[in-house]
Amino acid sequence: MKVAVVGATGLVGTVMLKVLEERNFPLTELIPVASEKSVGKEITFKGKKFPIVSMDTAISMKPDIALFSAGGNTSLEHAPRFKEAGTTVIDNSSAWRMDPAIKLIVPEVNAHELSIDNKIIANPNCSTIQMVVVLKPLHDKYKIKRVIVSTYQSVTGTGVKAVEQLMNERKGIDGPKAYPYEIDLNVLPHIDVFTDNGYTKEEMKMVKETNKIMSDDSIKVTATTVRIPVMGGHSESVNIEFENDFDLAEVRSILEKAPGIIVVDDVANLKYPMPKDAHEKDEVFVGRIRRDESAPKALNLWIVADNLRKGAATNAVQIAEYLIQKELV
């Protein structure tokens, strides 16, 4: 089982390597791939050193699986080349997500859609992943009509430059900027670029990807995505309106039994999910579970997850694990 990690030196790529190691992924050969300037350098994986190779070299090595986290343009150009070599690509960029021929997968929700013919598989947006893990079991029971979500997203979702901007501002250092404004002690209601309808691309990703992953275009979604000066995870305030009424105790029970979810909801003892608690964890944390008293059949939730792990690297590795388990590679 040869596995290539494309973008191995980036924020998500390094977490992919960590997750592969932690989960004892059954690979026999690791092929780290990065830009030309990194070729020849080494990375350490399970105590062994592996040289970083170029894209062409990696393709010629015919890996079974390639985990991509190197941006949309790289994916559009090179994922088809890996596919031609017989490799199954799991891509973390937005390049393939809305392509009707490509599966958009969150294993707890729709891994069953995968077949041996799916040679390019899309990993959804970080903020969508954690939300649909929670929506799915509730939709199965009560049928969701509408979702209103506001996000509170970590600077790590932007990348290394954004992390450096936050830390520089905290220390009073003037350095390169990832954002148009200061991020420390500030909040930016602006993630990705603005589109013609006044929403950002990130907000529209949450709308369209939710419908595709849940295989249900009748679910109405509206989103406001916000960048906050936090390092370790994304948080979401989610309001869900159902077709059918629900019992709060049953909602809690459904979420406690659902795969990939940890319920942290004990307000009497001030227990609720926070990004610090989700940091370096693979699960999605849910709390502040309460009925919306302003509307019938509506529920409020607070959802938190590590955006570099379940929001990116872990989800991709879980897809790869599923492919191996079902003998689809």
Protein backbone atom coordinates (compact mmCIF):
# COMPACT_ATOMS: atom_id res chain seq x y z
CA MET A 1 0.00 0.00 0.00
CA LYS A 2 1.87 3.04 -1.33
CA VAL A 3 0.50 6.40 -0.15
CA ALA A 4 1.51 9.79 -1.54
CA VAL A 5 0.89 12.96 0.48
CA VAL A 6 0.85 15.91 -1.92
CA GLY A 7 1.54 19.18 -0.11
CA ALA A 8 3.37 17.29 2.64
CA THR A 9 5.07 20.39 4.08
CA GLY A 10 1.92 22.57 4.36
CA LEU A 11 -0.31 23.02 7.42
CA VAL A 12 -2.80 20.31 6.41
CA GLY A 13 -0.14 18.05 4.85
CA THR A 14 1.87 17.87 8.06
CA VAL A 15 -1.31 17.02 9.99
CA MET A 16 -2.13 14.32 7.41
CA LEU A 17 1.24 12.69 8.12
CA LYS A 18 0.59 12.92 11.86
CA VAL A 19 -2.89 11.37 11.50
CA LEU A 20 -1.59 8.54 9.27
CA GLU A 21 1.00 7.76 11.95
CA GLU A 22 -1.40 8.03 14.91
CA ARG A 23 -4.05 5.84 13.30
CA ASN A 24 -1.42 3.29 12.27
CA PHE A 25 -2.58 3.49 8.66
CA PRO A 26 -1.53 0.29 6.83
CA LEU A 27 0.92 1.81 4.35
CA THR A 28 4.08 0.07 3.20
CA GLU A 29 5.62 3.07 1.46
CA LEU A 30 5.18 6.79 2.04
CA ILE A 31 5.73 9.22 -0.84
CA PRO A 32 5.88 12.84 0.42
CA VAL A 33 5.38 15.36 -2.40
CA ALA A 34 5.95 19.11 -2.22
CA SER A 35 7.01 22.05 -4.37
CA GLU A 36 10.30 22.00 -6.28
CA LYS A 37 12.05 24.04 -3.58
CA SER A 38 11.39 21.27 -1.01
CA VAL A 39 12.43 18.34 -3.23
CA GLY A 40 15.36 16.43 -1.71
CA LYS A 41 14.59 17.51 1.85
CA GLU A 42 13.46 14.77 4.21
CA ILE A 43 10.48 14.27 6.47
CA THR A 44 10.35 11.82 9.37
CA PHE A 45 7.47 9.36 9.59
CA LYS A 46 7.32 6.63 12.24
CA GLY A 47 10.98 7.22 13.02
CA LYS A 48 12.10 6.73 9.40
CA LYS A 49 13.26 9.42 7.00
CA PHE A 50 11.58 9.80 3.60
CA PRO A 51 12.85 12.13 0.84
CA ILE A 52 10.40 14.68 -0.57
CA VAL A 53 9.90 14.04 -4.28
CA SER A 54 8.49 15.97 -7.22
CA MET A 55 5.04 15.48 -8.68
CA ASP A 56 6.42 13.63 -11.74
CA THR A 57 8.47 11.27 -9.59
CA ALA A 58 5.47 10.53 -7.37
CA ILE A 59 3.24 9.73 -10.36
CA SER A 60 5.90 7.40 -11.80
CA MET A 61 5.94 5.53 -8.45
CA LYS A 62 2.24 4.65 -8.99
CA PRO A 63 0.91 5.07 -5.43
CA ASP A 64 -2.33 3.30 -4.51
CA ILE A 65 -3.70 6.41 -2.80
CA ALA A 66 -2.71 10.10 -3.05
CA LEU A 67 -3.87 12.49 -0.34
CA PHE A 68 -3.85 15.99 -1.86
CA SER A 69 -3.63 19.23 0.09
CA ALA A 70 -1.82 21.58 -2.25
CA GLY A 71 -4.49 24.01 -3.44
CA GLY A 72 -7.09 23.93 -6.20
CA ASN A 73 -4.89 24.66 -9.20
CA THR A 74 -2.43 21.89 -8.29
CA SER A 75 -5.32 19.46 -7.88
CA LEU A 76 -6.93 20.37 -11.20
CA GLU A 77 -3.63 19.93 -13.00
CA HIS A 78 -2.21 16.84 -11.32
CA ALA A 79 -5.08 14.76 -9.84
CA PRO A 80 -6.08 13.51 -13.34
CA ARG A 81 -2.44 12.49 -13.95
CA PHE A 82 -2.42 10.37 -10.78
CA LYS A 83 -5.79 8.92 -11.79
CA GLU A 84 -4.32 7.92 -15.19
CA ALA A 85 -1.56 6.08 -13.32
CA GLY A 86 -4.21 4.07 -11.45
CA THR A 87 -4.02 6.05 -8.20
CA THR A 88 -7.10 6.96 -6.15
CA VAL A 89 -6.91 10.67 -5.25
CA ILE A 90 -8.53 12.14 -2.13
CA ASP A 91 -8.42 15.90 -2.62
CA ASN A 92 -8.72 18.49 0.13
CA SER A 93 -9.12 21.55 -2.14
CA SER A 94 -12.35 23.02 -3.48
CA ALA A 95 -11.37 22.10 -7.07
CA TRP A 96 -13.55 19.01 -7.53
CA ARG A 97 -16.20 19.35 -4.83
CA MET A 98 -19.11 20.55 -6.94
CA ASP A 99 -18.25 18.49 -10.04
CA PRO A 100 -21.33 16.27 -10.57
CA ALA A 101 -19.09 13.33 -11.51
CA ILE A 102 -17.07 13.53 -8.27
CA LYS A 103 -18.18 12.19 -4.88
CA LEU A 104 -18.01 14.65 -1.95
CA ILE A 105 -17.51 12.48 1.11
CA VAL A 106 -17.81 12.65 4.88
CA PRO A 107 -17.47 9.00 5.98
CA GLU A 108 -20.06 9.19 8.81
CA VAL A 109 -22.60 10.60 6.35
CA ASN A 110 -22.16 9.17 2.85
CA ALA A 111 -19.17 6.83 2.51
CA HIS A 112 -21.61 4.21 1.16
CA GLU A 113 -21.74 6.20 -2.11
CA LEU A 114 -18.15 5.23 -2.96
CA SER A 115 -17.32 2.56 -5.53
CA ILE A 116 -14.16 1.21 -7.12
CA ASP A 117 -14.71 3.59 -10.06
CA ASN A 118 -14.26 6.75 -7.93
CA LYS A 119 -10.64 7.63 -8.66
CA ILE A 120 -10.90 11.29 -7.60
CA ILE A 121 -12.78 11.86 -4.34
CA ALA A 122 -13.38 15.31 -2.86
CA ASN A 123 -12.92 16.20 0.81
CA PRO A 124 -15.47 18.88 1.76
CA ASN A 125 -14.85 22.30 3.26
CA CYS A 126 -13.79 22.24 6.93
CA SER A 127 -16.82 24.13 8.22
CA THR A 128 -19.22 21.93 6.22
CA ILE A 129 -17.71 18.67 7.48
CA GLN A 130 -18.28 19.29 11.18
CA MET A 131 -21.81 20.54 10.56
CA VAL A 132 -23.04 17.61 8.43
CA VAL A 133 -21.65 15.03 10.88
CA VAL A 134 -24.19 16.46 13.33
CA LEU A 135 -27.00 17.15 10.84
CA LYS A 136 -27.10 13.63 9.38
CA PRO A 137 -28.47 11.63 12.35
CA LEU A 138 -30.96 14.40 13.12
CA HIS A 139 -32.10 14.59 9.50
CA ASP A 140 -32.62 10.81 9.44
CA LYS A 141 -34.95 11.09 12.42
CA TYR A 142 -36.76 14.44 12.07
CA LYS A 143 -36.13 15.62 8.46
CA ILE A 144 -34.41 19.01 8.26
CA LYS A 145 -36.17 21.89 6.45
CA ARG A 146 -33.75 24.75 7.08
CA VAL A 147 -30.36 25.48 8.65
CA ILE A 148 -29.04 28.89 9.75
CA VAL A 149 -25.33 28.77 10.58
CA SER A 150 -22.85 31.38 11.78
CA THR A 151 -19.23 30.27 12.01
CA TYR A 152 -16.32 31.34 14.20
CA GLN A 153 -13.30 30.10 12.26
CA SER A 154 -9.67 29.71 13.27
CA VAL A 155 -6.82 31.47 11.45
CA THR A 156 -5.28 28.04 10.77
CA GLY A 157 -8.00 27.61 8.14
CA THR A 158 -6.27 30.31 6.10
CA GLY A 159 -2.74 28.91 6.45
CA VAL A 160 0.72 29.57 7.84
CA LYS A 161 0.78 33.23 6.77
CA ALA A 162 -2.40 33.93 8.77
CA VAL A 163 -1.03 32.23 11.87
CA GLU A 164 2.12 34.37 11.56
CA GLN A 165 0.01 37.53 11.11
CA LEU A 166 -1.92 36.81 14.33
CA MET A 167 1.20 36.01 16.35
CA ASN A 168 3.09 39.04 14.95
CA GLU A 169 0.20 41.36 15.82
CA ARG A 170 0.05 39.89 19.31
CA LYS A 171 3.76 40.72 19.74
CA GLY A 172 3.49 44.16 18.11
CA ILE A 173 5.57 43.11 15.08
CA ASP A 174 4.73 44.50 11.63
CA GLY A 175 4.92 41.62 9.14
CA PRO A 176 3.26 40.08 6.05
CA LYS A 177 -0.55 40.14 6.09
CA ALA A 178 -2.88 37.30 5.12
CA TYR A 179 -5.96 39.44 5.79
CA PRO A 180 -6.98 42.95 4.65
CA TYR A 181 -7.26 44.04 8.32
CA GLU A 182 -5.76 43.20 11.70
CA ILE A 183 -7.01 39.87 13.04
CA ASP A 184 -5.78 40.06 16.64
CA LEU A 185 -8.48 41.51 18.94
CA ASN A 186 -10.72 41.69 15.88
CA VAL A 187 -13.34 39.70 13.97
CA LEU A 188 -13.62 39.58 10.16
CA PRO A 189 -17.04 38.67 8.65
CA HIS A 190 -15.22 37.73 5.46
CA ILE A 191 -13.85 34.29 4.51
CA ASP A 192 -12.76 33.72 0.89
CA VAL A 193 -13.89 36.20 -1.78
CA PHE A 194 -17.27 37.95 -2.05
CA THR A 195 -19.61 36.76 -4.80
CA ASP A 196 -22.29 38.62 -6.78
CA ASN A 197 -25.07 37.74 -4.34
CA GLY A 198 -23.27 39.43 -1.41
CA TYR A 199 -22.24 36.14 0.19
CA THR A 200 -18.65 34.90 0.37
CA LYS A 201 -17.48 31.76 -1.42
CA GLU A 202 -17.06 30.09 1.99
CA GLU A 203 -20.72 30.79 2.80
CA MET A 204 -21.89 29.41 -0.53
CA LYS A 205 -19.67 26.33 -0.09
CA MET A 206 -21.57 25.54 3.11
CA VAL A 207 -24.89 25.83 1.27
CA LYS A 208 -24.03 23.79 -1.81
CA GLU A 209 -21.81 21.18 -0.16
CA THR A 210 -24.41 20.41 2.53
CA ASN A 211 -27.02 19.66 -0.13
CA LYS A 212 -24.62 17.46 -2.09
CA ILE A 213 -23.28 15.48 0.89
CA MET A 214 -26.75 14.94 2.34
CA SER A 215 -28.14 14.09 -1.14
CA ASP A 216 -31.05 16.41 -0.45
CA ASP A 217 -31.53 19.73 -2.24
CA SER A 218 -34.68 20.42 -0.21
CA ILE A 219 -32.59 21.36 2.85
CA LYS A 220 -32.36 25.16 2.85
CA VAL A 221 -29.09 26.53 4.25
CA THR A 222 -27.97 30.10 4.90
CA ALA A 223 -24.52 30.89 6.32
CA THR A 224 -22.44 33.75 7.70
CA THR A 225 -18.77 32.79 7.99
CA VAL A 226 -16.48 34.73 10.31
CA ARG A 227 -12.72 34.63 10.98
CA ILE A 228 -11.73 35.02 14.64
CA PRO A 229 -8.30 35.28 16.33
CA VAL A 230 -8.19 31.65 17.49
CA MET A 231 -5.62 28.96 16.65
CA GLY A 232 -7.08 25.54 17.23
CA GLY A 233 -10.52 24.93 15.74
CA HIS A 234 -13.74 26.14 14.13
CA SER A 235 -16.95 26.77 16.08
CA GLU A 236 -20.47 27.09 14.71
CA SER A 237 -23.78 28.37 16.03
CA VAL A 238 -26.37 26.27 14.20
CA ASN A 239 -30.15 26.69 14.16
CA ILE A 240 -32.08 23.78 12.63
CA GLU A 241 -35.74 23.78 11.68
CA PHE A 242 -37.29 20.31 11.27
CA GLU A 243 -40.36 18.97 9.45
CA ASN A 244 -41.21 16.89 12.53
CA ASP A 245 -41.14 17.82 16.19
CA PHE A 246 -38.48 16.42 18.50
CA ASP A 247 -37.84 15.57 22.11
CA LEU A 248 -34.69 17.19 23.56
CA ALA A 249 -33.68 14.09 25.53
CA GLU A 250 -34.03 12.02 22.36
CA VAL A 251 -31.94 14.55 20.38
CA ARG A 252 -29.16 14.19 22.99
CA SER A 253 -29.41 10.41 22.88
CA ILE A 254 -29.25 10.35 19.05
CA LEU A 255 -26.16 12.57 19.04
CA GLU A 256 -24.45 10.58 21.82
CA LYS A 257 -24.87 7.37 19.81
CA ALA A 258 -23.91 8.88 16.43
CA PRO A 259 -20.45 8.08 15.01
CA GLY A 260 -17.75 10.73 15.35
CA ILE A 261 -19.64 12.94 17.83
CA ILE A 262 -18.92 13.79 21.47
CA VAL A 263 -21.70 15.59 23.35
CA VAL A 264 -20.42 18.17 25.87
CA ASP A 265 -23.58 19.72 27.26
CA ASP A 266 -23.79 20.32 30.98
CA VAL A 267 -24.40 24.03 31.46
CA ALA A 268 -25.05 23.61 35.19
CA ASN A 269 -21.35 22.78 35.48
CA LEU A 270 -20.29 25.18 32.69
CA LYS A 271 -19.48 22.33 30.29
CA TYR A 272 -19.72 23.19 26.59
CA PRO A 273 -17.40 22.66 23.59
CA MET A 274 -14.54 25.08 23.01
CA PRO A 275 -11.84 25.13 20.30
CA LYS A 276 -9.15 24.46 22.93
CA ASP A 277 -10.87 21.19 23.84
CA ALA A 278 -11.21 20.09 20.21
CA HIS A 279 -7.56 20.86 19.40
CA GLU A 280 -5.78 17.75 18.06
CA LYS A 281 -8.95 15.64 18.41
CA ASP A 282 -10.69 13.80 15.57
CA GLU A 283 -14.25 14.02 16.84
CA VAL A 284 -16.91 16.69 16.42
CA PHE A 285 -18.05 18.23 19.72
CA VAL A 286 -21.66 19.36 20.28
CA GLY A 287 -23.20 21.33 23.11
CA ARG A 288 -25.62 24.15 24.07
CA ILE A 289 -28.40 21.83 22.85
CA ARG A 290 -31.68 23.67 23.35
CA ARG A 291 -35.05 24.27 21.78
CA ASP A 292 -35.45 27.48 19.76
CA GLU A 293 -38.24 29.17 21.68
CA SER A 294 -38.95 31.62 18.86
CA ALA A 295 -39.99 28.97 16.31
CA PRO A 296 -41.78 25.60 16.38
CA LYS A 297 -39.78 22.42 15.64
CA ALA A 298 -36.46 24.32 15.78
CA LEU A 299 -33.25 23.50 17.63
CA ASN A 300 -30.09 25.43 18.55
CA LEU A 301 -26.67 23.76 18.75
CA TRP A 302 -23.02 24.75 19.18
CA ILE A 303 -20.61 22.62 17.11
CA VAL A 304 -16.81 22.64 17.46
CA ALA A 305 -14.06 20.66 15.69
CA ASP A 306 -10.35 20.85 14.91
CA ASN A 307 -10.42 22.27 11.37
CA LEU A 308 -7.04 20.81 10.41
CA ARG A 309 -8.04 17.33 11.61
CA LYS A 310 -11.72 16.37 11.17
CA GLY A 311 -12.11 19.47 9.01
CA ALA A 312 -9.36 18.31 6.66
CA ALA A 313 -6.65 15.69 7.33
CA THR A 314 -8.56 13.17 9.45
CA ASN A 315 -11.58 13.18 7.14
CA ALA A 316 -9.29 12.42 4.16
CA VAL A 317 -7.53 9.61 6.03
CA GLN A 318 -10.89 8.17 7.14
CA ILE A 319 -11.99 8.08 3.48
CA ALA A 320 -8.77 6.20 2.66
CA GLU A 321 -9.41 3.77 5.54
CA TYR A 322 -12.91 3.12 4.20
CA LEU A 323 -11.56 2.44 0.69
CA ILE A 324 -9.16 -0.16 2.09
CA GLN A 325 -11.76 -1.73 4.38
CA LYS A 326 -14.22 -2.12 1.48
CA GLU A 327 -11.43 -3.22 -0.94
CA LEU A 328 -12.08 -0.27 -3.26
CA VAL A 329 -8.33 0.30 -3.85
